[in-house]
């Protein structure tokens, strides 16, 4: 896997959250997650990582159009063509508990795939000069998942046990990837030659 694809994974994490997580109801979930997003200001980190390999969006072209293209390329490179953004429909304000939980599961499946890409490419991720930024992003997203699990479990007790089970599965993956970015020494000389 080339280093630019690794960067795409970070951008894709942001797309997944903005597309699914920020639109999940009930209202208190959106409020809590929205507050975390504003506090983190993560978009700047994704743009900085992706800039060398992708043009910035043109005026009037849509805020996240280029991230969707990066996401598609990540999926192709990761041999996961069955996963696409069209499968992650936003949840409406009138959604019932089952619909909310379905979106929650889609969110987790996507994160697990993308984190798996990072986890399997330790040799590449050691080469990036943006390691600290990636640790920042991933640590905050781990917090988002924990917050989302806690909040949704309270709002939808019928699915609480399943939600916690998903969170328990993905948490160790976060830990491994964050640890890899924090401690692994570079194994590739220069980013430009990857």
N, C-alpha and C. Protein backbone atom coordinates (compact mmCIF):
# COMPACT_ATOMS: atom_id res chain seq x y z
N UNK A 1 0.85 -1.20 0.00
CA UNK A 1 0.00 0.00 0.00
C UNK A 1 0.89 1.25 0.00
N UNK A 2 0.63 2.17 -0.90
CA UNK A 2 1.41 3.40 -0.98
C UNK A 2 0.99 4.36 0.11
N UNK A 3 1.91 5.23 0.50
CA UNK A 3 1.65 6.18 1.59
C UNK A 3 0.44 7.07 1.32
N UNK A 4 0.23 7.56 0.08
CA UNK A 4 -0.96 8.38 -0.14
C UNK A 4 -2.25 7.66 0.23
N UNK A 5 -2.29 6.34 0.02
CA UNK A 5 -3.49 5.59 0.38
C UNK A 5 -3.68 5.61 1.89
N UNK A 6 -2.58 5.57 2.61
CA UNK A 6 -2.65 5.65 4.07
C UNK A 6 -3.29 6.97 4.48
N UNK A 7 -2.90 8.04 3.80
CA UNK A 7 -3.47 9.35 4.10
C UNK A 7 -4.96 9.37 3.76
N UNK A 8 -5.31 8.67 2.70
CA UNK A 8 -6.72 8.63 2.32
C UNK A 8 -7.57 8.03 3.44
N UNK A 9 -6.99 7.08 4.16
CA UNK A 9 -7.74 6.45 5.24
C UNK A 9 -8.15 7.46 6.30
N UNK A 10 -7.26 8.38 6.61
CA UNK A 10 -7.58 9.42 7.59
C UNK A 10 -8.70 10.31 7.05
N UNK A 11 -8.58 10.70 5.77
CA UNK A 11 -9.62 11.53 5.17
C UNK A 11 -10.95 10.79 5.17
N UNK A 12 -10.90 9.50 4.88
CA UNK A 12 -12.13 8.72 4.82
C UNK A 12 -12.80 8.61 6.19
N UNK A 13 -12.00 8.54 7.24
CA UNK A 13 -12.57 8.51 8.59
C UNK A 13 -13.41 9.76 8.82
N UNK A 14 -12.90 10.88 8.36
CA UNK A 14 -13.63 12.14 8.53
C UNK A 14 -14.92 12.13 7.72
N UNK A 15 -14.83 11.64 6.50
CA UNK A 15 -16.03 11.58 5.66
C UNK A 15 -17.09 10.70 6.30
N UNK A 16 -16.68 9.55 6.80
CA UNK A 16 -17.64 8.64 7.42
C UNK A 16 -18.35 9.31 8.58
N UNK A 17 -17.61 10.00 9.41
CA UNK A 17 -18.23 10.64 10.56
C UNK A 17 -19.19 11.73 10.12
N UNK A 18 -18.77 12.56 9.18
CA UNK A 18 -19.61 13.68 8.78
C UNK A 18 -20.86 13.19 8.06
N UNK A 19 -20.74 12.08 7.35
CA UNK A 19 -21.87 11.57 6.58
C UNK A 19 -22.87 10.83 7.43
N UNK A 20 -22.39 10.06 8.40
CA UNK A 20 -23.29 9.22 9.19
C UNK A 20 -23.46 9.75 10.60
N UNK A 21 -22.36 9.87 11.31
CA UNK A 21 -22.43 10.18 12.73
C UNK A 21 -23.12 11.50 13.02
N UNK A 22 -22.78 12.54 12.27
CA UNK A 22 -23.33 13.87 12.56
C UNK A 22 -24.82 13.96 12.29
N UNK A 23 -25.37 12.99 11.56
CA UNK A 23 -26.79 13.06 11.21
C UNK A 23 -27.64 12.01 11.93
N UNK A 24 -27.02 11.26 12.82
CA UNK A 24 -27.78 10.28 13.57
C UNK A 24 -28.62 10.99 14.63
N UNK A 25 -29.85 10.55 14.79
CA UNK A 25 -30.71 11.08 15.82
C UNK A 25 -30.86 10.01 16.90
N UNK A 26 -31.34 10.31 18.09
CA UNK A 26 -32.00 11.51 18.54
C UNK A 26 -31.08 12.73 18.73
N UNK A 27 -31.74 13.84 19.03
CA UNK A 27 -31.07 15.14 19.03
C UNK A 27 -29.86 15.22 19.96
N UNK A 28 -29.93 14.58 21.12
CA UNK A 28 -28.81 14.73 22.05
C UNK A 28 -27.52 14.10 21.52
N UNK A 29 -27.65 13.07 20.66
CA UNK A 29 -26.46 12.47 20.07
C UNK A 29 -25.80 13.47 19.14
N UNK A 30 -26.59 14.08 18.29
CA UNK A 30 -26.05 15.05 17.35
C UNK A 30 -25.40 16.22 18.09
N UNK A 31 -26.04 16.66 19.17
CA UNK A 31 -25.51 17.79 19.93
C UNK A 31 -24.16 17.43 20.56
N UNK A 32 -24.07 16.27 21.15
CA UNK A 32 -22.82 15.86 21.80
C UNK A 32 -21.70 15.69 20.79
N UNK A 33 -21.98 14.99 19.72
CA UNK A 33 -20.96 14.74 18.71
C UNK A 33 -20.58 16.03 17.99
N UNK A 34 -21.57 16.87 17.72
CA UNK A 34 -21.30 18.15 17.08
C UNK A 34 -20.35 18.99 17.90
N UNK A 35 -20.54 18.97 19.20
CA UNK A 35 -19.65 19.72 20.09
C UNK A 35 -18.23 19.21 20.04
N UNK A 36 -18.08 17.90 19.99
CA UNK A 36 -16.75 17.30 19.90
C UNK A 36 -16.08 17.67 18.58
N UNK A 37 -16.84 17.61 17.49
CA UNK A 37 -16.29 17.92 16.18
C UNK A 37 -15.75 19.35 16.13
N UNK A 38 -16.54 20.29 16.65
CA UNK A 38 -16.11 21.69 16.64
C UNK A 38 -14.85 21.88 17.47
N UNK A 39 -14.80 21.21 18.59
CA UNK A 39 -13.65 21.34 19.48
C UNK A 39 -12.39 20.78 18.84
N UNK A 40 -12.54 19.72 18.06
CA UNK A 40 -11.38 19.06 17.48
C UNK A 40 -10.79 19.79 16.28
N UNK A 41 -11.66 20.40 15.49
CA UNK A 41 -11.22 21.08 14.27
C UNK A 41 -10.36 20.14 13.41
N UNK A 42 -10.89 18.96 13.12
CA UNK A 42 -10.11 17.93 12.44
C UNK A 42 -9.94 18.16 10.95
N UNK A 43 -10.79 18.95 10.34
CA UNK A 43 -10.72 19.09 8.89
C UNK A 43 -9.37 19.58 8.42
N UNK A 44 -8.75 20.45 9.20
CA UNK A 44 -7.45 20.98 8.82
C UNK A 44 -6.40 19.89 8.71
N UNK A 45 -6.47 18.90 9.60
CA UNK A 45 -5.50 17.82 9.57
C UNK A 45 -5.68 16.96 8.33
N UNK A 46 -6.90 16.67 7.97
CA UNK A 46 -7.15 15.84 6.79
C UNK A 46 -6.70 16.56 5.53
N UNK A 47 -6.98 17.85 5.44
CA UNK A 47 -6.59 18.62 4.26
C UNK A 47 -5.07 18.65 4.13
N UNK A 48 -4.37 18.81 5.25
CA UNK A 48 -2.91 18.86 5.22
C UNK A 48 -2.32 17.54 4.75
N UNK A 49 -2.91 16.45 5.19
CA UNK A 49 -2.41 15.13 4.80
C UNK A 49 -2.68 14.82 3.33
N UNK A 50 -3.84 15.21 2.84
CA UNK A 50 -4.24 14.81 1.50
C UNK A 50 -3.76 15.77 0.41
N UNK A 51 -3.37 16.97 0.79
CA UNK A 51 -3.01 17.99 -0.19
C UNK A 51 -1.98 17.56 -1.23
N UNK A 52 -0.91 16.82 -0.86
CA UNK A 52 0.09 16.47 -1.86
C UNK A 52 -0.42 15.53 -2.95
N UNK A 53 -1.51 14.83 -2.71
CA UNK A 53 -1.95 13.82 -3.68
C UNK A 53 -3.31 14.12 -4.29
N UNK A 54 -3.93 15.23 -3.91
CA UNK A 54 -5.27 15.52 -4.45
C UNK A 54 -5.50 17.03 -4.51
N UNK A 55 -6.18 17.49 -5.54
CA UNK A 55 -6.46 18.92 -5.64
C UNK A 55 -7.50 19.35 -4.63
N UNK A 56 -7.44 20.58 -4.20
CA UNK A 56 -8.48 21.09 -3.32
C UNK A 56 -9.74 21.33 -4.14
N UNK A 57 -10.89 21.25 -3.52
CA UNK A 57 -12.15 21.38 -4.26
C UNK A 57 -12.29 22.75 -4.91
N UNK A 58 -12.86 22.77 -6.10
CA UNK A 58 -13.11 24.02 -6.79
C UNK A 58 -14.36 24.69 -6.22
N UNK A 59 -14.44 26.01 -6.32
CA UNK A 59 -15.62 26.72 -5.81
C UNK A 59 -16.90 26.17 -6.44
N UNK A 60 -17.91 25.93 -5.61
CA UNK A 60 -19.19 25.46 -6.10
C UNK A 60 -19.26 23.98 -6.41
N UNK A 61 -18.21 23.26 -6.09
CA UNK A 61 -18.17 21.84 -6.42
C UNK A 61 -18.64 20.94 -5.28
N UNK A 62 -18.93 21.50 -4.14
CA UNK A 62 -19.37 20.67 -3.02
C UNK A 62 -18.24 20.48 -2.03
N UNK A 63 -18.56 20.64 -0.78
CA UNK A 63 -17.55 20.66 0.27
C UNK A 63 -16.70 19.40 0.38
N UNK A 64 -17.32 18.23 0.20
CA UNK A 64 -16.59 16.99 0.44
C UNK A 64 -16.37 16.15 -0.81
N UNK A 65 -16.55 16.75 -1.98
CA UNK A 65 -16.45 15.97 -3.21
C UNK A 65 -15.10 15.27 -3.34
N UNK A 66 -14.03 15.96 -3.04
CA UNK A 66 -12.71 15.35 -3.21
C UNK A 66 -12.46 14.25 -2.19
N UNK A 67 -13.06 14.37 -1.00
CA UNK A 67 -12.90 13.31 -0.01
C UNK A 67 -13.59 12.02 -0.47
N UNK A 68 -14.72 12.19 -1.16
CA UNK A 68 -15.40 11.00 -1.66
C UNK A 68 -14.52 10.29 -2.69
N UNK A 69 -13.82 11.04 -3.52
CA UNK A 69 -12.94 10.43 -4.51
C UNK A 69 -11.78 9.71 -3.82
N UNK A 70 -11.25 10.32 -2.77
CA UNK A 70 -10.17 9.69 -2.03
C UNK A 70 -10.67 8.41 -1.35
N UNK A 71 -11.88 8.48 -0.85
CA UNK A 71 -12.47 7.31 -0.20
C UNK A 71 -12.58 6.16 -1.19
N UNK A 72 -13.05 6.45 -2.40
CA UNK A 72 -13.20 5.41 -3.42
C UNK A 72 -11.85 4.77 -3.75
N UNK A 73 -10.81 5.60 -3.82
CA UNK A 73 -9.49 5.06 -4.14
C UNK A 73 -8.96 4.21 -2.99
N UNK A 74 -9.24 4.61 -1.77
CA UNK A 74 -8.84 3.81 -0.61
C UNK A 74 -9.47 2.43 -0.68
N UNK A 75 -10.75 2.40 -1.01
CA UNK A 75 -11.46 1.13 -1.05
C UNK A 75 -10.89 0.22 -2.13
N UNK A 76 -10.58 0.78 -3.29
CA UNK A 76 -10.00 -0.02 -4.36
C UNK A 76 -8.65 -0.59 -3.93
N UNK A 77 -7.83 0.27 -3.34
CA UNK A 77 -6.49 -0.16 -2.94
C UNK A 77 -6.56 -1.20 -1.84
N UNK A 78 -7.56 -1.10 -1.00
CA UNK A 78 -7.70 -2.04 0.10
C UNK A 78 -8.47 -3.28 -0.25
N UNK A 79 -8.78 -3.45 -1.53
CA UNK A 79 -9.52 -4.63 -2.00
C UNK A 79 -10.83 -4.81 -1.23
N UNK A 80 -11.55 -3.68 -1.06
CA UNK A 80 -12.82 -3.74 -0.36
C UNK A 80 -13.87 -3.01 -1.18
N UNK A 81 -14.02 -3.41 -2.44
CA UNK A 81 -14.90 -2.70 -3.36
C UNK A 81 -16.37 -2.79 -2.99
N UNK A 82 -16.71 -3.71 -2.09
CA UNK A 82 -18.11 -3.86 -1.71
C UNK A 82 -18.56 -2.79 -0.71
N UNK A 83 -17.61 -2.01 -0.22
CA UNK A 83 -17.94 -0.97 0.75
C UNK A 83 -17.95 0.38 0.04
N UNK A 84 -19.02 1.13 0.14
CA UNK A 84 -19.07 2.44 -0.50
C UNK A 84 -19.95 3.39 0.29
N UNK A 85 -19.77 4.67 0.04
CA UNK A 85 -20.51 5.66 0.81
C UNK A 85 -22.02 5.58 0.56
N UNK A 86 -22.42 5.08 -0.60
CA UNK A 86 -23.86 5.03 -0.89
C UNK A 86 -24.60 4.09 0.06
N UNK A 87 -23.84 3.19 0.72
CA UNK A 87 -24.47 2.27 1.67
C UNK A 87 -24.66 2.90 3.04
N UNK A 88 -24.21 4.13 3.20
CA UNK A 88 -24.26 4.76 4.50
C UNK A 88 -25.22 5.95 4.47
N UNK A 89 -26.47 5.68 4.35
CA UNK A 89 -27.48 6.74 4.26
C UNK A 89 -27.65 7.45 5.60
N UNK A 90 -27.79 8.79 5.57
CA UNK A 90 -28.02 9.53 6.80
C UNK A 90 -29.33 9.10 7.45
N UNK A 91 -29.39 9.19 8.76
CA UNK A 91 -30.61 8.85 9.50
C UNK A 91 -31.45 10.10 9.65
N UNK A 92 -32.73 10.00 9.36
CA UNK A 92 -33.61 11.16 9.45
C UNK A 92 -34.08 11.40 10.88
N UNK A 93 -34.61 12.57 11.12
CA UNK A 93 -35.06 12.95 12.46
C UNK A 93 -36.21 12.08 12.96
N UNK A 94 -36.94 11.47 12.04
CA UNK A 94 -38.09 10.66 12.44
C UNK A 94 -37.75 9.17 12.53
N UNK A 95 -36.47 8.83 12.45
CA UNK A 95 -36.06 7.43 12.44
C UNK A 95 -36.41 6.73 13.75
N UNK A 96 -36.77 5.45 13.62
CA UNK A 96 -37.05 4.67 14.83
C UNK A 96 -35.75 4.04 15.33
N UNK A 97 -35.84 3.34 16.46
CA UNK A 97 -34.65 2.78 17.10
C UNK A 97 -33.90 1.81 16.20
N UNK A 98 -34.62 0.98 15.46
CA UNK A 98 -33.97 0.00 14.60
C UNK A 98 -33.18 0.66 13.49
N UNK A 99 -33.72 1.74 12.93
CA UNK A 99 -33.02 2.46 11.86
C UNK A 99 -31.75 3.11 12.39
N UNK A 100 -31.85 3.68 13.58
CA UNK A 100 -30.69 4.31 14.20
C UNK A 100 -29.60 3.27 14.45
N UNK A 101 -30.00 2.12 14.97
CA UNK A 101 -29.02 1.08 15.25
C UNK A 101 -28.38 0.56 13.97
N UNK A 102 -29.15 0.47 12.90
CA UNK A 102 -28.59 0.01 11.62
C UNK A 102 -27.50 0.97 11.15
N UNK A 103 -27.76 2.27 11.27
CA UNK A 103 -26.76 3.26 10.87
C UNK A 103 -25.52 3.14 11.76
N UNK A 104 -25.75 2.90 13.03
CA UNK A 104 -24.66 2.71 13.98
C UNK A 104 -23.78 1.54 13.56
N UNK A 105 -24.39 0.45 13.15
CA UNK A 105 -23.64 -0.73 12.72
C UNK A 105 -22.85 -0.45 11.44
N UNK A 106 -23.45 0.29 10.50
CA UNK A 106 -22.75 0.65 9.27
C UNK A 106 -21.52 1.48 9.59
N UNK A 107 -21.70 2.40 10.52
CA UNK A 107 -20.61 3.27 10.95
C UNK A 107 -19.46 2.43 11.50
N UNK A 108 -19.78 1.49 12.36
CA UNK A 108 -18.75 0.64 12.95
C UNK A 108 -18.06 -0.23 11.92
N UNK A 109 -18.83 -0.81 11.00
CA UNK A 109 -18.23 -1.66 9.98
C UNK A 109 -17.23 -0.88 9.14
N UNK A 110 -17.59 0.34 8.79
CA UNK A 110 -16.71 1.17 7.97
C UNK A 110 -15.44 1.52 8.73
N UNK A 111 -15.60 1.94 9.98
CA UNK A 111 -14.43 2.28 10.78
C UNK A 111 -13.51 1.08 10.94
N UNK A 112 -14.08 -0.08 11.18
CA UNK A 112 -13.26 -1.28 11.36
C UNK A 112 -12.45 -1.57 10.10
N UNK A 113 -13.07 -1.42 8.92
CA UNK A 113 -12.36 -1.64 7.66
C UNK A 113 -11.20 -0.66 7.51
N UNK A 114 -11.51 0.61 7.71
CA UNK A 114 -10.51 1.65 7.48
C UNK A 114 -9.38 1.57 8.50
N UNK A 115 -9.73 1.33 9.75
CA UNK A 115 -8.69 1.17 10.77
C UNK A 115 -7.85 -0.06 10.48
N UNK A 116 -8.50 -1.09 9.95
CA UNK A 116 -7.77 -2.29 9.59
C UNK A 116 -6.71 -2.01 8.54
N UNK A 117 -7.01 -1.12 7.60
CA UNK A 117 -6.04 -0.74 6.58
C UNK A 117 -4.80 -0.12 7.24
N UNK A 118 -5.03 0.74 8.21
CA UNK A 118 -3.92 1.38 8.91
C UNK A 118 -3.14 0.35 9.73
N UNK A 119 -3.86 -0.51 10.40
CA UNK A 119 -3.26 -1.49 11.30
C UNK A 119 -2.37 -2.48 10.55
N UNK A 120 -2.73 -2.79 9.31
CA UNK A 120 -1.99 -3.79 8.53
C UNK A 120 -0.77 -3.22 7.82
N UNK A 121 -0.59 -1.90 7.88
CA UNK A 121 0.50 -1.28 7.13
C UNK A 121 1.44 -0.49 8.03
N UNK A 122 1.94 -1.16 9.03
CA UNK A 122 2.82 -0.52 10.01
C UNK A 122 4.08 0.03 9.36
N UNK A 123 4.63 -0.68 8.36
CA UNK A 123 5.87 -0.24 7.74
C UNK A 123 5.68 1.08 7.01
N UNK A 124 4.50 1.29 6.44
CA UNK A 124 4.24 2.52 5.70
C UNK A 124 3.93 3.67 6.65
N UNK A 125 3.14 3.41 7.65
CA UNK A 125 2.73 4.52 8.51
C UNK A 125 3.90 5.10 9.30
N UNK A 126 4.99 4.34 9.45
CA UNK A 126 6.15 4.89 10.13
C UNK A 126 6.84 5.96 9.31
N UNK A 127 6.53 6.05 8.01
CA UNK A 127 7.23 6.98 7.13
C UNK A 127 6.61 8.37 7.10
N UNK A 128 5.42 8.51 7.62
CA UNK A 128 4.74 9.79 7.48
C UNK A 128 5.25 10.85 8.45
N UNK A 129 5.31 12.07 7.97
CA UNK A 129 5.72 13.18 8.83
C UNK A 129 4.53 13.76 9.56
N UNK A 130 3.35 13.21 9.29
CA UNK A 130 2.12 13.72 9.92
C UNK A 130 1.66 12.80 11.03
N UNK A 131 2.57 12.02 11.59
CA UNK A 131 2.20 11.05 12.62
C UNK A 131 1.46 11.66 13.79
N UNK A 132 1.95 12.81 14.28
CA UNK A 132 1.30 13.44 15.43
C UNK A 132 -0.13 13.84 15.10
N UNK A 133 -0.34 14.37 13.91
CA UNK A 133 -1.69 14.76 13.50
C UNK A 133 -2.61 13.55 13.43
N UNK A 134 -2.10 12.44 12.95
CA UNK A 134 -2.92 11.24 12.84
C UNK A 134 -3.27 10.70 14.22
N UNK A 135 -2.31 10.75 15.14
CA UNK A 135 -2.60 10.33 16.51
C UNK A 135 -3.69 11.21 17.10
N UNK A 136 -3.59 12.51 16.84
CA UNK A 136 -4.60 13.46 17.33
C UNK A 136 -5.98 13.08 16.80
N UNK A 137 -6.06 12.87 15.48
CA UNK A 137 -7.34 12.53 14.86
C UNK A 137 -7.90 11.22 15.42
N UNK A 138 -7.07 10.20 15.44
CA UNK A 138 -7.55 8.89 15.86
C UNK A 138 -7.94 8.85 17.32
N UNK A 139 -7.19 9.56 18.16
CA UNK A 139 -7.53 9.61 19.58
C UNK A 139 -8.88 10.27 19.78
N UNK A 140 -9.12 11.35 19.06
CA UNK A 140 -10.40 12.06 19.20
C UNK A 140 -11.54 11.21 18.66
N UNK A 141 -11.29 10.47 17.58
CA UNK A 141 -12.36 9.63 17.04
C UNK A 141 -12.67 8.46 17.96
N UNK A 142 -11.67 8.00 18.68
CA UNK A 142 -11.93 6.97 19.69
C UNK A 142 -12.88 7.53 20.75
N UNK A 143 -12.65 8.80 21.12
CA UNK A 143 -13.52 9.46 22.09
C UNK A 143 -14.93 9.60 21.53
N UNK A 144 -15.03 9.93 20.25
CA UNK A 144 -16.34 10.08 19.62
C UNK A 144 -17.11 8.76 19.68
N UNK A 145 -16.43 7.67 19.35
CA UNK A 145 -17.10 6.37 19.36
C UNK A 145 -17.57 6.01 20.77
N UNK A 146 -16.73 6.29 21.76
CA UNK A 146 -17.13 6.00 23.14
C UNK A 146 -18.32 6.85 23.55
N UNK A 147 -18.31 8.12 23.14
CA UNK A 147 -19.42 9.02 23.47
C UNK A 147 -20.69 8.58 22.77
N UNK A 148 -20.56 8.23 21.48
CA UNK A 148 -21.72 7.80 20.72
C UNK A 148 -22.32 6.53 21.31
N UNK A 149 -21.47 5.60 21.69
CA UNK A 149 -21.96 4.35 22.27
C UNK A 149 -22.73 4.61 23.55
N UNK A 150 -22.16 5.43 24.41
CA UNK A 150 -22.79 5.74 25.69
C UNK A 150 -24.13 6.44 25.51
N UNK A 151 -24.14 7.43 24.61
CA UNK A 151 -25.36 8.22 24.41
C UNK A 151 -26.46 7.41 23.74
N UNK A 152 -26.10 6.68 22.69
CA UNK A 152 -27.11 5.88 21.99
C UNK A 152 -27.63 4.74 22.86
N UNK A 153 -26.78 4.21 23.71
CA UNK A 153 -27.22 3.13 24.59
C UNK A 153 -28.29 3.62 25.55
N UNK A 154 -28.15 4.86 26.00
CA UNK A 154 -29.16 5.44 26.89
C UNK A 154 -30.45 5.73 26.14
N UNK A 155 -30.29 6.19 24.89
CA UNK A 155 -31.46 6.57 24.10
C UNK A 155 -32.21 5.36 23.57
N UNK A 156 -31.52 4.25 23.41
CA UNK A 156 -32.13 3.05 22.82
C UNK A 156 -31.70 1.82 23.61
N UNK A 157 -32.34 1.58 24.72
CA UNK A 157 -31.96 0.48 25.61
C UNK A 157 -32.10 -0.90 24.96
N UNK A 158 -33.00 -1.02 24.00
CA UNK A 158 -33.21 -2.33 23.37
C UNK A 158 -31.99 -2.81 22.59
N UNK A 159 -31.14 -1.86 22.14
CA UNK A 159 -29.96 -2.24 21.38
C UNK A 159 -28.66 -1.95 22.14
N UNK A 160 -28.77 -1.57 23.40
CA UNK A 160 -27.60 -1.14 24.17
C UNK A 160 -26.50 -2.20 24.21
N UNK A 161 -26.88 -3.45 24.48
CA UNK A 161 -25.87 -4.52 24.59
C UNK A 161 -25.12 -4.72 23.27
N UNK A 162 -25.85 -4.66 22.15
CA UNK A 162 -25.20 -4.83 20.85
C UNK A 162 -24.26 -3.68 20.54
N UNK A 163 -24.67 -2.48 20.89
CA UNK A 163 -23.82 -1.31 20.65
C UNK A 163 -22.51 -1.43 21.42
N UNK A 164 -22.61 -1.83 22.67
CA UNK A 164 -21.41 -1.98 23.50
C UNK A 164 -20.51 -3.07 22.95
N UNK A 165 -21.10 -4.12 22.40
CA UNK A 165 -20.33 -5.22 21.83
C UNK A 165 -19.51 -4.73 20.63
N UNK A 166 -20.12 -3.89 19.79
CA UNK A 166 -19.40 -3.32 18.65
C UNK A 166 -18.24 -2.46 19.13
N UNK A 167 -18.50 -1.63 20.13
CA UNK A 167 -17.47 -0.74 20.65
C UNK A 167 -16.29 -1.52 21.22
N UNK A 168 -16.58 -2.61 21.89
CA UNK A 168 -15.53 -3.44 22.49
C UNK A 168 -14.66 -4.09 21.41
N UNK A 169 -15.24 -4.39 20.27
CA UNK A 169 -14.49 -5.01 19.18
C UNK A 169 -13.54 -4.02 18.51
N UNK A 170 -13.99 -2.79 18.34
CA UNK A 170 -13.20 -1.83 17.59
C UNK A 170 -12.17 -1.10 18.45
N UNK A 171 -12.40 -1.02 19.74
CA UNK A 171 -11.50 -0.30 20.63
C UNK A 171 -10.05 -0.79 20.57
N UNK A 172 -9.79 -2.11 20.59
CA UNK A 172 -8.40 -2.57 20.51
C UNK A 172 -7.72 -2.20 19.19
N UNK A 173 -8.50 -2.11 18.11
CA UNK A 173 -7.92 -1.72 16.82
C UNK A 173 -7.45 -0.27 16.90
N UNK A 174 -8.27 0.59 17.47
CA UNK A 174 -7.87 1.98 17.68
C UNK A 174 -6.56 2.03 18.46
N UNK A 175 -6.50 1.26 19.55
CA UNK A 175 -5.32 1.28 20.42
C UNK A 175 -4.07 0.88 19.66
N UNK A 176 -4.16 -0.16 18.85
CA UNK A 176 -3.00 -0.63 18.09
C UNK A 176 -2.53 0.41 17.08
N UNK A 177 -3.48 1.00 16.37
CA UNK A 177 -3.11 1.98 15.35
C UNK A 177 -2.51 3.23 15.99
N UNK A 178 -3.13 3.71 17.05
CA UNK A 178 -2.61 4.89 17.74
C UNK A 178 -1.21 4.60 18.28
N UNK A 179 -1.04 3.43 18.87
CA UNK A 179 0.27 3.05 19.40
C UNK A 179 1.31 2.98 18.28
N UNK A 180 0.90 2.48 17.11
CA UNK A 180 1.81 2.40 15.99
C UNK A 180 2.28 3.76 15.53
N UNK A 181 1.37 4.72 15.43
CA UNK A 181 1.74 6.06 15.02
C UNK A 181 2.60 6.75 16.08
N UNK A 182 2.38 6.41 17.33
CA UNK A 182 3.08 7.08 18.42
C UNK A 182 4.51 6.57 18.57
N UNK A 183 4.71 5.26 18.43
CA UNK A 183 6.00 4.67 18.79
C UNK A 183 6.84 4.14 17.64
N UNK A 184 6.23 3.83 16.51
CA UNK A 184 7.00 3.18 15.44
C UNK A 184 7.96 4.14 14.77
N UNK A 185 9.19 3.68 14.55
CA UNK A 185 10.18 4.50 13.86
C UNK A 185 9.99 4.38 12.34
N UNK A 186 10.33 5.44 11.58
CA UNK A 186 10.18 5.38 10.13
C UNK A 186 10.99 4.24 9.52
N UNK A 187 10.41 3.57 8.55
CA UNK A 187 11.11 2.49 7.86
C UNK A 187 11.26 2.79 6.37
N UNK A 188 10.73 3.92 5.93
CA UNK A 188 10.84 4.34 4.54
C UNK A 188 11.55 5.69 4.54
N UNK A 189 12.62 5.88 3.75
CA UNK A 189 13.45 7.08 3.81
C UNK A 189 12.70 8.40 3.65
N UNK A 190 11.97 8.55 2.53
CA UNK A 190 11.31 9.82 2.27
C UNK A 190 9.91 9.59 1.75
N UNK A 191 9.01 10.49 2.14
CA UNK A 191 7.62 10.35 1.71
C UNK A 191 7.52 10.39 0.20
N UNK A 192 8.27 11.26 -0.42
CA UNK A 192 8.18 11.42 -1.86
C UNK A 192 8.57 10.20 -2.66
N UNK A 193 9.30 9.27 -2.04
CA UNK A 193 9.76 8.09 -2.76
C UNK A 193 8.93 6.85 -2.48
N UNK A 194 7.89 7.00 -1.67
CA UNK A 194 7.06 5.84 -1.33
C UNK A 194 6.21 5.45 -2.52
